[in-house]
Amino acid sequence: MKRVFIIHGWDGYPEEAWFLWLKSELEKRGFEVVVPQMPEASAPAIEKWVPYLAELVGTPDTETFLVGHSIGVPTIMRYLERIDSSIGGAVGVAGWFNLIPGSIGGPAEETIAKPWLDLPIDTEKIKKVCPKFTAIFSDNDPYVPFSDSEFFHERLGAKIIVEHNLGHMGGSDNLKEFPLVLNELLKVIKL
């Protein structure tokens, strides 16, 4: 059975934005879908989020698909660099390698973000275990520099989609449904 894991962002929760809508749409199509509450969402830490995702997924295989929003995308990438089995694919929404300076708050938030930004990431390994990656960006995201779309294309070989005026594409942007994510995930699954 095809399994999909939807990973929310910083300070996020399963019921926000389009996550439960996507879960419902995928379940109608026969997928097993998990939308977990990530640990300590107000202070996401690599050493907590990545092992938690690994525990949820269990044994990854080509029937495993990952969807992430915001810091959920680097969580997925850091999970992928640690596994040896290939997964079916991934879709990232407002994911990042970098953040717009000063966009996330003060010194406490910058301290939380620092390891996510500074620790090297093995993009070659990610491409090997996840050859089908789609990354969706908005041209007016207040946190993610638009140049990160180039990083995702160059470093991960990701298919890049740019939406206009959708902000960070999360709960604060009042997106309750996001058909683009569903359609792109279904394309990844069928490829």
Protein backbone atom coordinates (compact mmCIF):
# COMPACT_ATOMS: atom_id res chain seq x y z
CA MET A 1 0.00 0.00 0.00
CA LYS A 2 1.22 3.48 -0.84
CA ARG A 3 1.99 5.51 2.27
CA VAL A 4 2.19 9.29 2.50
CA PHE A 5 3.65 11.25 5.41
CA ILE A 6 2.79 14.96 5.59
CA ILE A 7 5.21 16.92 7.77
CA HIS A 8 4.13 20.35 9.03
CA GLY A 9 6.39 23.33 9.60
CA TRP A 10 7.81 25.29 12.49
CA ASP A 11 5.16 26.01 15.13
CA GLY A 12 2.79 23.97 12.98
CA TYR A 13 0.28 21.26 13.72
CA PRO A 14 -1.61 18.61 11.72
CA GLU A 15 -4.90 20.52 11.58
CA GLU A 16 -3.49 23.72 10.07
CA ALA A 17 -3.56 24.86 6.46
CA TRP A 18 -4.17 22.24 3.77
CA PHE A 19 -2.75 19.19 5.56
CA LEU A 20 -5.99 17.46 6.57
CA TRP A 21 -7.59 18.33 3.23
CA LEU A 22 -4.68 16.62 1.45
CA LYS A 23 -4.93 13.65 3.81
CA SER A 24 -8.64 13.28 3.03
CA GLU A 25 -8.09 13.53 -0.73
CA LEU A 26 -5.36 10.89 -0.64
CA GLU A 27 -7.38 8.55 1.58
CA LYS A 28 -10.24 8.75 -0.94
CA ARG A 29 -7.74 7.36 -3.44
CA GLY A 30 -6.73 4.48 -1.20
CA PHE A 31 -3.52 5.81 0.33
CA GLU A 32 -2.49 5.34 3.94
CA VAL A 33 -1.75 8.87 5.19
CA VAL A 34 -0.03 10.04 8.38
CA VAL A 35 -0.01 13.70 9.46
CA PRO A 36 1.92 13.65 12.73
CA GLN A 37 2.33 16.31 15.35
CA MET A 38 6.07 16.83 15.27
CA PRO A 39 7.83 17.08 18.65
CA GLU A 40 8.27 20.49 20.22
CA ALA A 41 7.03 22.29 17.11
CA SER A 42 7.79 25.70 18.59
CA ALA A 43 11.50 24.81 18.74
CA PRO A 44 12.16 22.26 15.98
CA ALA A 45 15.43 20.41 16.42
CA ILE A 46 17.11 18.13 13.88
CA GLU A 47 17.96 15.60 16.60
CA LYS A 48 14.26 15.29 17.51
CA TRP A 49 12.41 15.75 14.23
CA VAL A 50 14.50 13.51 11.98
CA PRO A 51 14.52 10.44 14.28
CA TYR A 52 10.79 10.94 14.90
CA LEU A 53 10.12 10.89 11.16
CA ALA A 54 12.31 7.79 10.81
CA GLU A 55 10.34 6.06 13.56
CA LEU A 56 7.03 6.95 11.89
CA VAL A 57 8.13 5.72 8.46
CA GLY A 58 9.67 2.51 9.74
CA THR A 59 11.03 0.67 6.72
CA PRO A 60 11.04 3.02 3.72
CA ASP A 61 10.36 1.67 0.25
CA THR A 62 9.23 2.83 -3.19
CA GLU A 63 5.64 2.92 -1.90
CA THR A 64 6.65 5.61 0.63
CA PHE A 65 6.02 9.27 -0.26
CA LEU A 66 6.83 12.38 1.76
CA VAL A 67 5.24 15.83 1.70
CA GLY A 68 6.69 18.67 3.73
CA HIS A 69 5.88 22.28 4.46
CA SER A 70 8.52 24.84 5.46
CA ILE A 71 10.93 23.22 7.97
CA GLY A 72 9.15 19.95 7.21
CA VAL A 73 11.09 19.96 3.92
CA PRO A 74 14.59 20.15 5.48
CA THR A 75 13.36 17.52 7.93
CA ILE A 76 12.57 15.26 4.98
CA MET A 77 15.91 16.02 3.33
CA ARG A 78 17.86 15.23 6.50
CA TYR A 79 15.87 12.02 6.90
CA LEU A 80 16.60 11.03 3.29
CA GLU A 81 20.34 11.57 3.65
CA ARG A 82 20.34 8.99 6.49
CA ILE A 83 18.52 6.12 4.76
CA ASP A 84 19.78 3.57 2.27
CA SER A 85 16.51 2.41 0.69
CA SER A 86 14.86 4.45 -2.05
CA ILE A 87 11.46 6.00 -1.50
CA GLY A 88 8.81 6.73 -4.13
CA GLY A 89 9.24 10.49 -4.08
CA ALA A 90 8.68 13.76 -2.26
CA VAL A 91 6.93 17.10 -2.61
CA GLY A 92 8.21 20.12 -0.72
CA VAL A 93 6.17 23.28 -0.17
CA ALA A 94 8.03 26.44 0.88
CA GLY A 95 11.08 24.37 1.75
CA TRP A 96 14.44 25.98 2.28
CA PHE A 97 18.20 25.76 2.39
CA ASN A 98 18.37 29.43 3.48
CA LEU A 99 16.09 31.96 5.17
CA ILE A 100 15.62 35.65 4.46
CA PRO A 101 17.76 37.44 7.09
CA GLY A 102 15.68 38.76 9.98
CA SER A 103 12.48 37.09 8.77
CA ILE A 104 11.97 34.51 11.49
CA GLY A 105 12.09 36.66 14.60
CA GLY A 106 14.81 37.40 17.08
CA PRO A 107 17.91 35.72 18.51
CA ALA A 108 15.99 32.75 19.99
CA GLU A 109 14.52 31.82 16.60
CA GLU A 110 17.85 32.32 14.88
CA THR A 111 19.47 29.95 17.40
CA ILE A 112 16.82 27.33 16.59
CA ALA A 113 17.32 27.78 12.84
CA LYS A 114 21.14 27.79 12.94
CA PRO A 115 21.76 24.01 12.82
CA TRP A 116 19.18 23.61 10.05
CA LEU A 117 21.01 26.25 8.03
CA ASP A 118 24.63 25.46 8.91
CA LEU A 119 24.98 21.67 9.08
CA PRO A 120 26.05 20.24 5.70
CA ILE A 121 23.49 18.20 3.83
CA ASP A 122 24.30 15.34 1.44
CA THR A 123 22.24 16.27 -1.60
CA GLU A 124 23.82 13.54 -3.72
CA LYS A 125 22.57 10.93 -1.27
CA ILE A 126 19.12 12.53 -1.28
CA LYS A 127 18.98 12.38 -5.10
CA LYS A 128 19.98 8.73 -4.97
CA VAL A 129 17.24 7.64 -2.53
CA CYS A 130 14.61 10.11 -3.79
CA PRO A 131 14.97 10.63 -7.54
CA LYS A 132 11.49 12.18 -7.83
CA PHE A 133 11.32 15.47 -5.93
CA THR A 134 9.01 18.39 -6.66
CA ALA A 135 9.52 21.73 -4.89
CA ILE A 136 6.81 24.39 -4.80
CA PHE A 137 7.66 28.02 -4.04
CA SER A 138 5.80 31.32 -3.86
CA ASP A 139 7.28 34.47 -5.35
CA ASN A 140 6.39 36.47 -2.24
CA ASP A 141 7.33 34.06 0.56
CA PRO A 142 8.35 36.24 3.53
CA TYR A 143 10.79 33.63 4.87
CA VAL A 144 12.26 31.70 1.94
CA PRO A 145 14.51 33.51 -0.53
CA PHE A 146 13.36 32.93 -4.09
CA SER A 147 16.92 31.88 -4.97
CA ASP A 148 16.34 28.67 -2.99
CA SER A 149 14.27 27.40 -5.92
CA GLU A 150 17.53 27.30 -7.89
CA PHE A 151 19.23 25.38 -5.08
CA PHE A 152 16.50 22.74 -5.11
CA HIS A 153 16.78 22.38 -8.87
CA GLU A 154 20.58 22.35 -9.00
CA ARG A 155 21.31 20.33 -5.85
CA LEU A 156 18.38 17.90 -5.83
CA GLY A 157 17.36 17.84 -9.48
CA ALA A 158 13.91 18.87 -8.26
CA LYS A 159 11.06 19.88 -10.50
CA ILE A 160 10.38 23.51 -9.56
CA ILE A 161 6.95 25.14 -9.50
CA VAL A 162 6.51 28.81 -8.67
CA GLU A 163 3.17 30.12 -7.47
CA HIS A 164 2.33 33.82 -7.34
CA ASN A 165 1.35 35.74 -4.21
CA LEU A 166 0.74 32.72 -1.97
CA GLY A 167 3.11 33.81 0.79
CA HIS A 168 4.52 30.93 2.82
CA MET A 169 1.66 28.65 1.70
CA GLY A 170 0.73 27.66 5.25
CA GLY A 171 -1.84 28.32 7.93
CA SER A 172 -1.22 32.07 8.15
CA ASP A 173 -1.97 32.32 4.41
CA ASN A 174 -5.44 30.81 4.90
CA LEU A 175 -4.86 27.96 2.45
CA LYS A 176 -7.40 25.31 3.45
CA GLU A 177 -7.13 23.38 0.18
CA PHE A 178 -4.11 23.15 -2.11
CA PRO A 179 -4.96 21.13 -5.24
CA LEU A 180 -1.51 21.83 -6.72
CA VAL A 181 0.16 19.76 -3.99
CA LEU A 182 -2.26 16.88 -4.55
CA ASN A 183 -1.80 16.98 -8.32
CA GLU A 184 1.99 17.16 -8.10
CA LEU A 185 2.14 14.31 -5.60
CA LEU A 186 -0.07 12.18 -7.86
CA LYS A 187 2.31 12.94 -10.75
CA VAL A 188 5.30 11.89 -8.62
CA ILE A 189 3.49 8.67 -7.72
CA LYS A 190 2.69 7.86 -11.35
CA LEU A 191 6.16 8.65 -12.75
